[in-house]
């Protein structure tokens, strides 16, 4: 049984890893063929930003899917999903620095001050950095499970910031940012409901005693 569980975990990890890299591979292939549209820089920037949000949402989906459907195997893959979110966020940032700032890093601070959606995006990225740094088994052991879990609740704020950043960028059709916002509201609302239920249960147990 232990061997089977180990093999299943490796299969799931490989499946997520391959599918996680697939969008970047396809973008690279389209870039090589010159098929990124009339504005390749904007396409890559938007695509990496959207993929960041997709993986953040998938990370938030792990807990409800595990509890509602019994998909416990997802728990071991949550860190990988989070790392893919960070990977695409780094790609999003690099495209901004390359195409928008022309690698003039000294102009970034001025841009953050001038454009609010840039400030929101940078703040969200800054919150992601400690989560990526502490994603190893060694860091989990060093921090302790409780402190690590508390730190990684920053994912909620990062996701909200990412959706807000996306919404602020869109100038006309806000359909996609609003869809992301609706999904995030549902996922965070689920957590609020579960927390309130647990709090009521603790109070009820205390009253019985």
N, C-alpha and C. Protein backbone atom coordinates (compact mmCIF):
# COMPACT_ATOMS: atom_id res chain seq x y z
N UNK A 1 0.82 -1.20 0.00
CA UNK A 1 0.00 0.00 0.00
C UNK A 1 0.86 1.26 0.00
N UNK A 2 1.95 1.25 0.81
CA UNK A 2 2.83 2.41 0.89
C UNK A 2 3.46 2.70 -0.47
N UNK A 3 3.85 1.62 -1.15
CA UNK A 3 4.46 1.79 -2.47
C UNK A 3 3.45 2.39 -3.43
N UNK A 4 2.20 1.91 -3.37
CA UNK A 4 1.15 2.41 -4.25
C UNK A 4 0.89 3.88 -4.00
N UNK A 5 0.79 4.29 -2.73
CA UNK A 5 0.57 5.69 -2.40
C UNK A 5 1.71 6.56 -2.89
N UNK A 6 2.94 6.06 -2.73
CA UNK A 6 4.10 6.80 -3.20
C UNK A 6 4.08 6.97 -4.71
N UNK A 7 3.73 5.87 -5.40
CA UNK A 7 3.66 5.93 -6.86
C UNK A 7 2.56 6.87 -7.31
N UNK A 8 1.40 6.84 -6.62
CA UNK A 8 0.30 7.74 -6.96
C UNK A 8 0.71 9.19 -6.78
N UNK A 9 1.41 9.47 -5.66
CA UNK A 9 1.86 10.83 -5.41
C UNK A 9 2.82 11.32 -6.47
N UNK A 10 3.72 10.44 -6.90
CA UNK A 10 4.67 10.79 -7.96
C UNK A 10 3.94 11.03 -9.28
N UNK A 11 2.94 10.21 -9.56
CA UNK A 11 2.16 10.38 -10.80
C UNK A 11 1.43 11.72 -10.79
N UNK A 12 0.77 12.04 -9.66
CA UNK A 12 0.04 13.30 -9.57
C UNK A 12 0.98 14.49 -9.71
N UNK A 13 2.15 14.39 -9.07
CA UNK A 13 3.13 15.48 -9.15
C UNK A 13 3.62 15.67 -10.58
N UNK A 14 3.91 14.57 -11.26
CA UNK A 14 4.36 14.66 -12.65
C UNK A 14 3.27 15.22 -13.55
N UNK A 15 2.02 14.80 -13.29
CA UNK A 15 0.88 15.28 -14.09
C UNK A 15 0.72 16.79 -13.95
N UNK A 16 0.78 17.29 -12.72
CA UNK A 16 0.65 18.72 -12.47
C UNK A 16 1.85 19.47 -13.06
N UNK A 17 3.04 18.90 -12.92
CA UNK A 17 4.24 19.55 -13.42
C UNK A 17 4.18 19.72 -14.94
N UNK A 18 3.80 18.66 -15.64
CA UNK A 18 3.74 18.72 -17.11
C UNK A 18 2.67 19.72 -17.56
N UNK A 19 1.50 19.65 -16.95
CA UNK A 19 0.42 20.55 -17.34
C UNK A 19 0.70 21.99 -16.91
N UNK A 20 1.46 22.15 -15.82
CA UNK A 20 1.83 23.48 -15.38
C UNK A 20 2.79 24.17 -16.34
N UNK A 21 3.69 23.39 -16.92
CA UNK A 21 4.66 23.95 -17.87
C UNK A 21 4.07 24.12 -19.27
N UNK A 22 3.01 23.40 -19.57
CA UNK A 22 2.45 23.39 -20.92
C UNK A 22 2.12 24.78 -21.47
N UNK A 23 1.46 25.66 -20.71
CA UNK A 23 1.17 26.99 -21.26
C UNK A 23 2.43 27.76 -21.65
N UNK A 24 3.48 27.67 -20.85
CA UNK A 24 4.72 28.36 -21.17
C UNK A 24 5.38 27.76 -22.42
N UNK A 25 5.33 26.44 -22.53
CA UNK A 25 5.89 25.78 -23.71
C UNK A 25 5.13 26.21 -24.97
N UNK A 26 3.80 26.25 -24.89
CA UNK A 26 2.99 26.65 -26.04
C UNK A 26 3.24 28.11 -26.42
N UNK A 27 3.41 28.96 -25.42
CA UNK A 27 3.73 30.36 -25.72
C UNK A 27 5.09 30.47 -26.41
N UNK A 28 6.05 29.69 -25.93
CA UNK A 28 7.37 29.69 -26.56
C UNK A 28 7.31 29.20 -28.00
N UNK A 29 6.50 28.16 -28.23
CA UNK A 29 6.35 27.62 -29.57
C UNK A 29 5.68 28.64 -30.50
N UNK A 30 4.64 29.31 -29.99
CA UNK A 30 3.96 30.33 -30.79
C UNK A 30 4.87 31.53 -31.05
N UNK A 31 5.71 31.87 -30.07
CA UNK A 31 6.65 32.97 -30.27
C UNK A 31 7.66 32.61 -31.36
N UNK A 32 8.12 31.38 -31.35
CA UNK A 32 9.08 30.91 -32.36
C UNK A 32 8.47 30.95 -33.77
N UNK A 33 7.15 30.67 -33.85
CA UNK A 33 6.46 30.70 -35.14
C UNK A 33 5.94 32.09 -35.49
N UNK A 34 6.09 33.05 -34.58
CA UNK A 34 5.58 34.40 -34.81
C UNK A 34 4.07 34.46 -34.79
N UNK A 35 3.45 33.68 -33.90
CA UNK A 35 1.99 33.58 -33.84
C UNK A 35 1.42 34.15 -32.54
N UNK A 36 2.04 35.18 -32.00
CA UNK A 36 1.56 35.77 -30.75
C UNK A 36 0.67 37.00 -30.98
N UNK A 37 0.25 37.21 -32.20
CA UNK A 37 -0.65 38.32 -32.48
C UNK A 37 0.09 39.58 -32.84
N UNK A 38 -0.69 40.67 -32.96
CA UNK A 38 -0.11 41.94 -33.40
C UNK A 38 0.73 42.59 -32.31
N UNK A 39 0.48 42.21 -31.06
CA UNK A 39 1.23 42.79 -29.94
C UNK A 39 1.73 41.65 -29.04
N UNK A 40 2.83 41.00 -29.44
CA UNK A 40 3.32 39.84 -28.67
C UNK A 40 3.65 40.17 -27.22
N UNK A 41 4.19 41.36 -26.98
CA UNK A 41 4.56 41.73 -25.61
C UNK A 41 3.34 41.77 -24.71
N UNK A 42 2.27 42.38 -25.19
CA UNK A 42 1.03 42.46 -24.40
C UNK A 42 0.44 41.06 -24.20
N UNK A 43 0.50 40.24 -25.24
CA UNK A 43 -0.05 38.88 -25.14
C UNK A 43 0.66 38.09 -24.05
N UNK A 44 1.99 38.12 -24.07
CA UNK A 44 2.76 37.34 -23.08
C UNK A 44 2.53 37.89 -21.68
N UNK A 45 2.48 39.21 -21.55
CA UNK A 45 2.25 39.81 -20.24
C UNK A 45 0.90 39.41 -19.68
N UNK A 46 -0.13 39.50 -20.52
CA UNK A 46 -1.47 39.12 -20.06
C UNK A 46 -1.55 37.63 -19.77
N UNK A 47 -0.97 36.81 -20.65
CA UNK A 47 -1.06 35.36 -20.49
C UNK A 47 -0.38 34.90 -19.20
N UNK A 48 0.80 35.42 -18.90
CA UNK A 48 1.49 35.02 -17.67
C UNK A 48 0.74 35.51 -16.44
N UNK A 49 0.11 36.68 -16.55
CA UNK A 49 -0.70 37.18 -15.43
C UNK A 49 -1.91 36.31 -15.18
N UNK A 50 -2.59 35.92 -16.25
CA UNK A 50 -3.77 35.07 -16.11
C UNK A 50 -3.38 33.70 -15.55
N UNK A 51 -2.27 33.14 -16.02
CA UNK A 51 -1.83 31.85 -15.50
C UNK A 51 -1.47 31.93 -14.02
N UNK A 52 -0.94 33.07 -13.60
CA UNK A 52 -0.68 33.27 -12.17
C UNK A 52 -1.97 33.14 -11.38
N UNK A 53 -3.02 33.81 -11.85
CA UNK A 53 -4.31 33.75 -11.17
C UNK A 53 -4.90 32.34 -11.20
N UNK A 54 -4.75 31.67 -12.33
CA UNK A 54 -5.28 30.30 -12.45
C UNK A 54 -4.66 29.40 -11.38
N UNK A 55 -3.35 29.48 -11.21
CA UNK A 55 -2.70 28.60 -10.24
C UNK A 55 -2.97 29.04 -8.81
N UNK A 56 -3.17 30.33 -8.58
CA UNK A 56 -3.58 30.77 -7.24
C UNK A 56 -4.96 30.23 -6.89
N UNK A 57 -5.87 30.27 -7.85
CA UNK A 57 -7.22 29.74 -7.63
C UNK A 57 -7.16 28.23 -7.41
N UNK A 58 -6.36 27.53 -8.19
CA UNK A 58 -6.21 26.08 -8.01
C UNK A 58 -5.66 25.77 -6.62
N UNK A 59 -4.75 26.60 -6.14
CA UNK A 59 -4.22 26.41 -4.78
C UNK A 59 -5.33 26.55 -3.74
N UNK A 60 -6.20 27.55 -3.92
CA UNK A 60 -7.30 27.74 -2.99
C UNK A 60 -8.35 26.63 -3.10
N UNK A 61 -8.42 25.99 -4.26
CA UNK A 61 -9.40 24.91 -4.48
C UNK A 61 -9.04 23.63 -3.73
N UNK A 62 -7.79 23.48 -3.36
CA UNK A 62 -7.33 22.23 -2.76
C UNK A 62 -8.13 21.87 -1.52
N UNK A 63 -8.28 22.80 -0.60
CA UNK A 63 -8.96 22.50 0.66
C UNK A 63 -10.41 22.09 0.47
N UNK A 64 -11.24 22.87 -0.26
CA UNK A 64 -12.63 22.43 -0.43
C UNK A 64 -12.77 21.12 -1.19
N UNK A 65 -11.94 20.89 -2.21
CA UNK A 65 -12.02 19.63 -2.94
C UNK A 65 -11.62 18.45 -2.06
N UNK A 66 -10.62 18.68 -1.23
CA UNK A 66 -10.17 17.60 -0.33
C UNK A 66 -11.25 17.26 0.69
N UNK A 67 -11.91 18.28 1.24
CA UNK A 67 -12.90 18.04 2.28
C UNK A 67 -14.25 17.59 1.73
N UNK A 68 -14.64 18.13 0.60
CA UNK A 68 -15.95 17.81 0.05
C UNK A 68 -15.95 16.52 -0.76
N UNK A 69 -14.85 16.26 -1.48
CA UNK A 69 -14.79 15.09 -2.36
C UNK A 69 -13.84 14.00 -1.86
N UNK A 70 -13.10 14.31 -0.79
CA UNK A 70 -12.18 13.31 -0.25
C UNK A 70 -10.92 13.14 -1.06
N UNK A 71 -10.55 14.14 -1.86
CA UNK A 71 -9.34 14.06 -2.69
C UNK A 71 -8.12 14.45 -1.85
N UNK A 72 -7.75 13.62 -0.93
CA UNK A 72 -6.66 13.93 -0.01
C UNK A 72 -5.31 14.04 -0.73
N UNK A 73 -5.18 13.40 -1.88
CA UNK A 73 -3.92 13.45 -2.62
C UNK A 73 -3.57 14.88 -3.05
N UNK A 74 -4.57 15.74 -3.15
CA UNK A 74 -4.32 17.12 -3.57
C UNK A 74 -3.46 17.89 -2.56
N UNK A 75 -3.58 17.50 -1.28
CA UNK A 75 -2.85 18.22 -0.24
C UNK A 75 -1.35 18.22 -0.48
N UNK A 76 -0.83 17.08 -0.96
CA UNK A 76 0.61 16.97 -1.20
C UNK A 76 1.05 17.75 -2.44
N UNK A 77 0.10 18.15 -3.27
CA UNK A 77 0.45 18.86 -4.50
C UNK A 77 0.21 20.37 -4.40
N UNK A 78 -0.29 20.81 -3.24
CA UNK A 78 -0.63 22.24 -3.10
C UNK A 78 0.59 23.14 -3.23
N UNK A 79 1.70 22.69 -2.67
CA UNK A 79 2.92 23.52 -2.77
C UNK A 79 3.36 23.66 -4.22
N UNK A 80 3.26 22.58 -4.99
CA UNK A 80 3.65 22.64 -6.40
C UNK A 80 2.76 23.62 -7.16
N UNK A 81 1.47 23.61 -6.88
CA UNK A 81 0.55 24.56 -7.52
C UNK A 81 0.93 26.00 -7.15
N UNK A 82 1.27 26.20 -5.88
CA UNK A 82 1.69 27.53 -5.44
C UNK A 82 2.99 27.98 -6.10
N UNK A 83 3.91 27.05 -6.28
CA UNK A 83 5.17 27.38 -6.94
C UNK A 83 4.96 27.72 -8.42
N UNK A 84 4.00 27.07 -9.05
CA UNK A 84 3.68 27.44 -10.44
C UNK A 84 3.07 28.83 -10.50
N UNK A 85 2.27 29.18 -9.50
CA UNK A 85 1.73 30.54 -9.44
C UNK A 85 2.88 31.55 -9.35
N UNK A 86 3.87 31.24 -8.52
CA UNK A 86 5.03 32.13 -8.37
C UNK A 86 5.85 32.16 -9.66
N UNK A 87 5.99 31.01 -10.30
CA UNK A 87 6.73 30.92 -11.56
C UNK A 87 6.12 31.83 -12.63
N UNK A 88 4.80 31.75 -12.80
CA UNK A 88 4.15 32.59 -13.81
C UNK A 88 4.11 34.05 -13.39
N UNK A 89 4.06 34.30 -12.09
CA UNK A 89 4.12 35.68 -11.61
C UNK A 89 5.49 36.29 -11.91
N UNK A 90 6.55 35.51 -11.74
CA UNK A 90 7.89 35.98 -12.10
C UNK A 90 7.96 36.27 -13.60
N UNK A 91 7.37 35.39 -14.41
CA UNK A 91 7.32 35.64 -15.85
C UNK A 91 6.57 36.91 -16.18
N UNK A 92 5.47 37.14 -15.46
CA UNK A 92 4.66 38.35 -15.65
C UNK A 92 5.49 39.59 -15.30
N UNK A 93 6.21 39.51 -14.20
CA UNK A 93 7.04 40.64 -13.78
C UNK A 93 8.17 40.90 -14.78
N UNK A 94 8.79 39.84 -15.25
CA UNK A 94 9.90 40.00 -16.19
C UNK A 94 9.44 40.60 -17.51
N UNK A 95 8.25 40.22 -17.97
CA UNK A 95 7.74 40.82 -19.21
C UNK A 95 7.45 42.30 -19.01
N UNK A 96 6.96 42.65 -17.83
CA UNK A 96 6.73 44.07 -17.52
C UNK A 96 8.05 44.85 -17.53
N UNK A 97 9.07 44.28 -16.89
CA UNK A 97 10.37 44.95 -16.83
C UNK A 97 11.01 45.06 -18.22
N UNK A 98 10.82 44.03 -19.03
CA UNK A 98 11.44 44.01 -20.36
C UNK A 98 10.71 44.91 -21.35
N UNK A 99 9.40 44.77 -21.43
CA UNK A 99 8.65 45.44 -22.49
C UNK A 99 8.11 46.81 -22.07
N UNK A 100 7.77 46.96 -20.80
CA UNK A 100 7.20 48.22 -20.34
C UNK A 100 8.27 49.18 -19.83
N UNK A 101 9.26 48.64 -19.13
CA UNK A 101 10.31 49.48 -18.53
C UNK A 101 11.62 49.42 -19.29
N UNK A 102 11.72 48.55 -20.30
CA UNK A 102 12.94 48.40 -21.09
C UNK A 102 14.17 48.17 -20.19
N UNK A 103 13.97 47.40 -19.14
CA UNK A 103 15.00 47.05 -18.16
C UNK A 103 15.58 48.26 -17.42
N UNK A 104 14.89 49.38 -17.47
CA UNK A 104 15.31 50.57 -16.71
C UNK A 104 14.72 50.45 -15.30
N UNK A 105 15.42 49.71 -14.45
CA UNK A 105 14.87 49.39 -13.13
C UNK A 105 14.66 50.63 -12.27
N UNK A 106 15.41 51.66 -12.54
CA UNK A 106 15.27 52.89 -11.76
C UNK A 106 13.93 53.58 -11.96
N UNK A 107 13.22 53.23 -13.03
CA UNK A 107 11.93 53.86 -13.31
C UNK A 107 10.76 53.10 -12.68
N UNK A 108 11.03 51.94 -12.09
CA UNK A 108 9.95 51.12 -11.56
C UNK A 108 9.28 51.80 -10.37
N UNK A 109 10.05 52.37 -9.46
CA UNK A 109 9.46 53.01 -8.28
C UNK A 109 8.53 54.15 -8.69
N UNK A 110 8.97 54.94 -9.66
CA UNK A 110 8.14 56.03 -10.15
C UNK A 110 6.84 55.50 -10.75
N UNK A 111 6.94 54.38 -11.45
CA UNK A 111 5.76 53.78 -12.06
C UNK A 111 4.80 53.24 -11.00
N UNK A 112 5.36 52.67 -9.93
CA UNK A 112 4.55 52.16 -8.83
C UNK A 112 3.75 53.30 -8.20
N UNK A 113 4.40 54.44 -8.03
CA UNK A 113 3.74 55.59 -7.43
C UNK A 113 2.67 56.16 -8.36
N UNK A 114 2.97 56.16 -9.65
CA UNK A 114 2.08 56.80 -10.63
C UNK A 114 0.86 55.95 -10.97
N UNK A 115 1.07 54.64 -11.12
CA UNK A 115 -0.03 53.77 -11.58
C UNK A 115 -0.41 52.80 -10.47
N UNK A 116 -1.65 52.94 -10.00
CA UNK A 116 -2.09 52.15 -8.83
C UNK A 116 -2.11 50.65 -9.12
N UNK A 117 -2.46 50.25 -10.34
CA UNK A 117 -2.52 48.81 -10.61
C UNK A 117 -1.13 48.19 -10.57
N UNK A 118 -0.10 48.98 -10.89
CA UNK A 118 1.28 48.48 -10.76
C UNK A 118 1.62 48.31 -9.28
N UNK A 119 1.20 49.25 -8.46
CA UNK A 119 1.45 49.17 -7.01
C UNK A 119 0.80 47.93 -6.41
N UNK A 120 -0.45 47.66 -6.82
CA UNK A 120 -1.16 46.48 -6.32
C UNK A 120 -0.46 45.20 -6.76
N UNK A 121 -0.03 45.17 -8.03
CA UNK A 121 0.67 44.00 -8.53
C UNK A 121 2.00 43.76 -7.83
N UNK A 122 2.75 44.82 -7.61
CA UNK A 122 4.05 44.69 -6.94
C UNK A 122 3.88 44.24 -5.49
N UNK A 123 2.86 44.77 -4.83
CA UNK A 123 2.61 44.39 -3.45
C UNK A 123 2.25 42.90 -3.37
N UNK A 124 1.42 42.45 -4.29
CA UNK A 124 1.04 41.03 -4.32
C UNK A 124 2.24 40.14 -4.58
N UNK A 125 3.11 40.58 -5.50
CA UNK A 125 4.32 39.80 -5.78
C UNK A 125 5.22 39.74 -4.56
N UNK A 126 5.36 40.87 -3.86
CA UNK A 126 6.19 40.91 -2.66
C UNK A 126 5.70 39.92 -1.61
N UNK A 127 4.37 39.76 -1.51
CA UNK A 127 3.82 38.81 -0.55
C UNK A 127 4.08 37.37 -0.96
N UNK A 128 4.23 37.15 -2.27
CA UNK A 128 4.48 35.79 -2.76
C UNK A 128 5.89 35.31 -2.46
N UNK A 129 6.83 36.23 -2.39
CA UNK A 129 8.25 35.85 -2.23
C UNK A 129 8.49 35.00 -0.98
N UNK A 130 8.02 35.45 0.21
CA UNK A 130 8.27 34.59 1.39
C UNK A 130 7.59 33.23 1.31
N UNK A 131 6.48 33.14 0.60
CA UNK A 131 5.82 31.85 0.45
C UNK A 131 6.64 30.91 -0.41
N UNK A 132 7.23 31.45 -1.48
CA UNK A 132 8.08 30.64 -2.34
C UNK A 132 9.34 30.20 -1.60
N UNK A 133 9.91 31.11 -0.83
CA UNK A 133 11.15 30.81 -0.09
C UNK A 133 10.91 29.72 0.96
N UNK A 134 9.72 29.71 1.56
CA UNK A 134 9.44 28.75 2.64
C UNK A 134 8.68 27.52 2.14
N UNK A 135 8.78 27.22 0.86
CA UNK A 135 8.02 26.10 0.30
C UNK A 135 8.75 24.76 0.40
N UNK A 136 9.95 24.75 0.93
CA UNK A 136 10.71 23.50 1.03
C UNK A 136 10.39 22.78 2.34
N UNK A 137 10.66 21.48 2.36
CA UNK A 137 10.44 20.69 3.58
C UNK A 137 11.29 21.21 4.73
N UNK A 138 12.52 21.63 4.40
CA UNK A 138 13.42 22.13 5.44
C UNK A 138 12.85 23.39 6.10
N UNK A 139 12.27 24.28 5.31
CA UNK A 139 11.71 25.51 5.87
C UNK A 139 10.45 25.22 6.68
N UNK A 140 9.66 24.25 6.24
CA UNK A 140 8.47 23.88 7.01
C UNK A 140 8.88 23.35 8.38
N UNK A 141 9.93 22.53 8.38
CA UNK A 141 10.43 21.98 9.65
C UNK A 141 10.99 23.07 10.53
N UNK A 142 11.68 24.03 9.91
CA UNK A 142 12.29 25.11 10.68
C UNK A 142 11.24 26.04 11.29
N UNK A 143 10.21 26.36 10.51
CA UNK A 143 9.16 27.26 10.99
C UNK A 143 8.19 26.57 11.94
N UNK A 144 7.99 25.28 11.70
CA UNK A 144 6.94 24.57 12.43
C UNK A 144 5.65 24.62 11.63
N UNK A 145 4.90 23.54 11.70
CA UNK A 145 3.70 23.44 10.88
C UNK A 145 2.71 24.56 11.08
N UNK A 146 2.46 24.95 12.34
CA UNK A 146 1.46 25.98 12.64
C UNK A 146 1.88 27.34 12.09
N UNK A 147 3.14 27.72 12.33
CA UNK A 147 3.62 29.01 11.84
C UNK A 147 3.68 29.04 10.32
N UNK A 148 4.06 27.90 9.72
CA UNK A 148 4.11 27.83 8.26
C UNK A 148 2.72 28.00 7.66
N UNK A 149 1.74 27.32 8.25
CA UNK A 149 0.36 27.42 7.75
C UNK A 149 -0.16 28.84 7.90
N UNK A 150 0.18 29.48 9.02
CA UNK A 150 -0.27 30.86 9.24
C UNK A 150 0.34 31.80 8.20
N UNK A 151 1.64 31.63 7.93
CA UNK A 151 2.30 32.45 6.93
C UNK A 151 1.66 32.27 5.56
N UNK A 152 1.34 31.04 5.22
CA UNK A 152 0.82 30.76 3.88
C UNK A 152 -0.65 31.14 3.70
N UNK A 153 -1.26 31.66 4.75
CA UNK A 153 -2.58 32.27 4.58
C UNK A 153 -2.49 33.59 3.81
N UNK A 154 -1.28 34.07 3.63
CA UNK A 154 -1.10 35.24 2.77
C UNK A 154 -1.60 34.98 1.35
N UNK A 155 -1.74 33.71 1.00
CA UNK A 155 -2.27 33.36 -0.32
C UNK A 155 -3.61 34.03 -0.56
N UNK A 156 -4.43 34.16 0.48
CA UNK A 156 -5.74 34.80 0.32
C UNK A 156 -5.58 36.24 -0.16
N UNK A 157 -4.67 36.97 0.50
CA UNK A 157 -4.48 38.38 0.17
C UNK A 157 -3.80 38.53 -1.20
N UNK A 158 -2.90 37.61 -1.49
CA UNK A 158 -2.23 37.63 -2.79
C UNK A 158 -3.23 37.44 -3.93
N UNK A 159 -4.15 36.49 -3.75
CA UNK A 159 -5.14 36.22 -4.78
C UNK A 159 -6.08 37.41 -4.96
N UNK A 160 -6.52 37.98 -3.86
CA UNK A 160 -7.38 39.17 -3.95
C UNK A 160 -6.64 40.30 -4.66
N UNK A 161 -5.37 40.49 -4.30
CA UNK A 161 -4.57 41.53 -4.95
C UNK A 161 -4.39 41.26 -6.43
N UNK A 162 -4.20 39.98 -6.80
CA UNK A 162 -4.03 39.62 -8.20
C UNK A 162 -5.28 39.90 -9.01
N UNK A 163 -6.44 39.57 -8.46
CA UNK A 163 -7.71 39.83 -9.16
C UNK A 163 -7.93 41.33 -9.29
N UNK A 164 -7.65 42.08 -8.23
CA UNK A 164 -7.80 43.54 -8.28
C UNK A 164 -6.86 44.14 -9.31
N UNK A 165 -5.63 43.67 -9.35
CA UNK A 165 -4.65 44.11 -10.35
C UNK A 165 -5.16 43.87 -11.76
N UNK A 166 -5.72 42.69 -12.00
CA UNK A 166 -6.26 42.34 -13.32
C UNK A 166 -7.44 43.25 -13.68
N UNK A 167 -8.33 43.47 -12.71
CA UNK A 167 -9.50 44.31 -12.96
C UNK A 167 -9.10 45.75 -13.28
N UNK A 168 -8.09 46.25 -12.60
CA UNK A 168 -7.65 47.64 -12.82
C UNK A 168 -6.97 47.82 -14.17
N UNK A 169 -6.39 46.75 -14.70
CA UNK A 169 -5.71 46.83 -16.00
C UNK A 169 -6.72 46.91 -17.14
N UNK A 170 -7.81 46.11 -17.00
CA UNK A 170 -8.79 46.02 -18.09
C UNK A 170 -9.49 47.36 -18.28
N UNK A 171 -9.52 47.82 -19.52
CA UNK A 171 -10.10 49.13 -19.80
C UNK A 171 -11.53 49.05 -20.33
N UNK A 172 -11.93 47.93 -20.90
CA UNK A 172 -13.26 47.85 -21.49
C UNK A 172 -14.06 46.67 -20.93
N UNK A 173 -13.74 45.48 -21.37
CA UNK A 173 -14.49 44.29 -20.97
C UNK A 173 -13.87 43.66 -19.72
N UNK A 174 -14.58 43.76 -18.60
CA UNK A 174 -14.06 43.24 -17.32
C UNK A 174 -14.62 41.85 -17.01
N UNK A 175 -15.10 41.15 -18.02
CA UNK A 175 -15.74 39.85 -17.80
C UNK A 175 -14.81 38.86 -17.10
N UNK A 176 -13.60 38.70 -17.61
CA UNK A 176 -12.69 37.70 -17.04
C UNK A 176 -12.25 38.05 -15.61
N UNK A 177 -11.86 39.30 -15.33
CA UNK A 177 -11.54 39.62 -13.94
C UNK A 177 -12.71 39.39 -12.99
N UNK A 178 -13.92 39.69 -13.46
CA UNK A 178 -15.09 39.49 -12.60
C UNK A 178 -15.38 38.01 -12.37
N UNK A 179 -15.11 37.17 -13.37
CA UNK A 179 -15.25 35.72 -13.18
C UNK A 179 -14.26 35.23 -12.14
N UNK A 180 -13.02 35.69 -12.25
CA UNK A 180 -12.02 35.32 -11.24
C UNK A 180 -12.47 35.80 -9.86
N UNK A 181 -12.99 37.02 -9.80
CA UNK A 181 -13.44 37.57 -8.52
C UNK A 181 -14.56 36.73 -7.93
N UNK A 182 -15.50 36.28 -8.77
CA UNK A 182 -16.61 35.47 -8.28
C UNK A 182 -16.12 34.14 -7.71
N UNK A 183 -15.18 33.51 -8.41
CA UNK A 183 -14.63 32.24 -7.94
C UNK A 183 -13.90 32.42 -6.61
N UNK A 184 -13.12 33.49 -6.51
CA UNK A 184 -12.37 33.75 -5.28
C UNK A 184 -13.32 34.03 -4.11
N UNK A 185 -14.39 34.78 -4.37
CA UNK A 185 -15.38 35.06 -3.32
C UNK A 185 -15.99 33.76 -2.80
N UNK A 186 -16.32 32.85 -3.71
CA UNK A 186 -16.88 31.56 -3.31
C UNK A 186 -15.89 30.76 -2.47
N UNK A 187 -14.63 30.72 -2.92
CA UNK A 187 -13.62 29.92 -2.21
C UNK A 187 -13.30 30.50 -0.84
N UNK A 188 -13.21 31.82 -0.75
CA UNK A 188 -12.95 32.44 0.55
C UNK A 188 -14.19 32.39 1.43
N UNK A 189 -15.37 32.51 0.79
CA UNK A 189 -16.61 32.40 1.56
C UNK A 189 -16.76 31.03 2.18
N UNK A 190 -16.34 29.99 1.45
CA UNK A 190 -16.37 28.63 1.98
C UNK A 190 -15.53 28.55 3.26
N UNK A 191 -14.36 29.16 3.23
CA UNK A 191 -13.48 29.12 4.40
C UNK A 191 -14.09 29.87 5.58
N UNK A 192 -14.76 30.98 5.31
CA UNK A 192 -15.41 31.74 6.38
C UNK A 192 -16.52 30.89 7.02
N UNK A 193 -17.32 30.23 6.18
CA UNK A 193 -18.41 29.40 6.70
C UNK A 193 -17.86 28.26 7.56
N UNK A 194 -16.81 27.61 7.08
CA UNK A 194 -16.20 26.52 7.85
C UNK A 194 -15.65 27.02 9.18
N UNK A 195 -15.00 28.18 9.16
CA UNK A 195 -14.43 28.75 10.39
C UNK A 195 -15.53 29.09 11.40
N UNK A 196 -16.63 29.68 10.90
CA UNK A 196 -17.75 30.01 11.80
C UNK A 196 -18.39 28.76 12.39
N UNK A 197 -18.49 27.72 11.56
CA UNK A 197 -19.06 26.47 12.05
C UNK A 197 -18.19 25.86 13.14
N UNK A 198 -16.88 25.88 12.93
CA UNK A 198 -15.96 25.34 13.94
C UNK A 198 -16.03 26.15 15.22
N UNK A 199 -16.15 27.48 15.08
CA UNK A 199 -16.24 28.34 16.26
C UNK A 199 -17.51 28.02 17.05
N UNK A 200 -18.64 27.81 16.36
CA UNK A 200 -19.89 27.46 17.05
C UNK A 200 -19.77 26.11 17.75
N UNK A 201 -19.09 25.17 17.09
CA UNK A 201 -18.91 23.85 17.69
C UNK A 201 -18.07 23.93 18.95
N UNK A 202 -17.02 24.78 18.92
CA UNK A 202 -16.18 24.95 20.12
C UNK A 202 -16.97 25.57 21.26
N UNK A 203 -17.83 26.55 20.90
CA UNK A 203 -18.66 27.17 21.93
C UNK A 203 -19.64 26.17 22.52
N UNK A 204 -20.23 25.34 21.64
CA UNK A 204 -21.19 24.34 22.11
C UNK A 204 -20.52 23.33 23.02
N UNK A 205 -19.33 22.90 22.68
CA UNK A 205 -18.58 21.97 23.54
C UNK A 205 -18.26 22.61 24.88
N UNK A 206 -17.90 23.88 24.86
CA UNK A 206 -17.60 24.59 26.09
C UNK A 206 -18.81 24.71 27.00
N UNK A 207 -19.98 24.96 26.41
CA UNK A 207 -21.22 25.07 27.19
C UNK A 207 -21.57 23.74 27.81
N UNK A 208 -21.41 22.64 27.05
CA UNK A 208 -21.72 21.32 27.59
C UNK A 208 -20.86 20.96 28.78
N UNK A 209 -19.60 21.42 28.73
CA UNK A 209 -18.71 21.11 29.86
C UNK A 209 -19.10 21.91 31.09
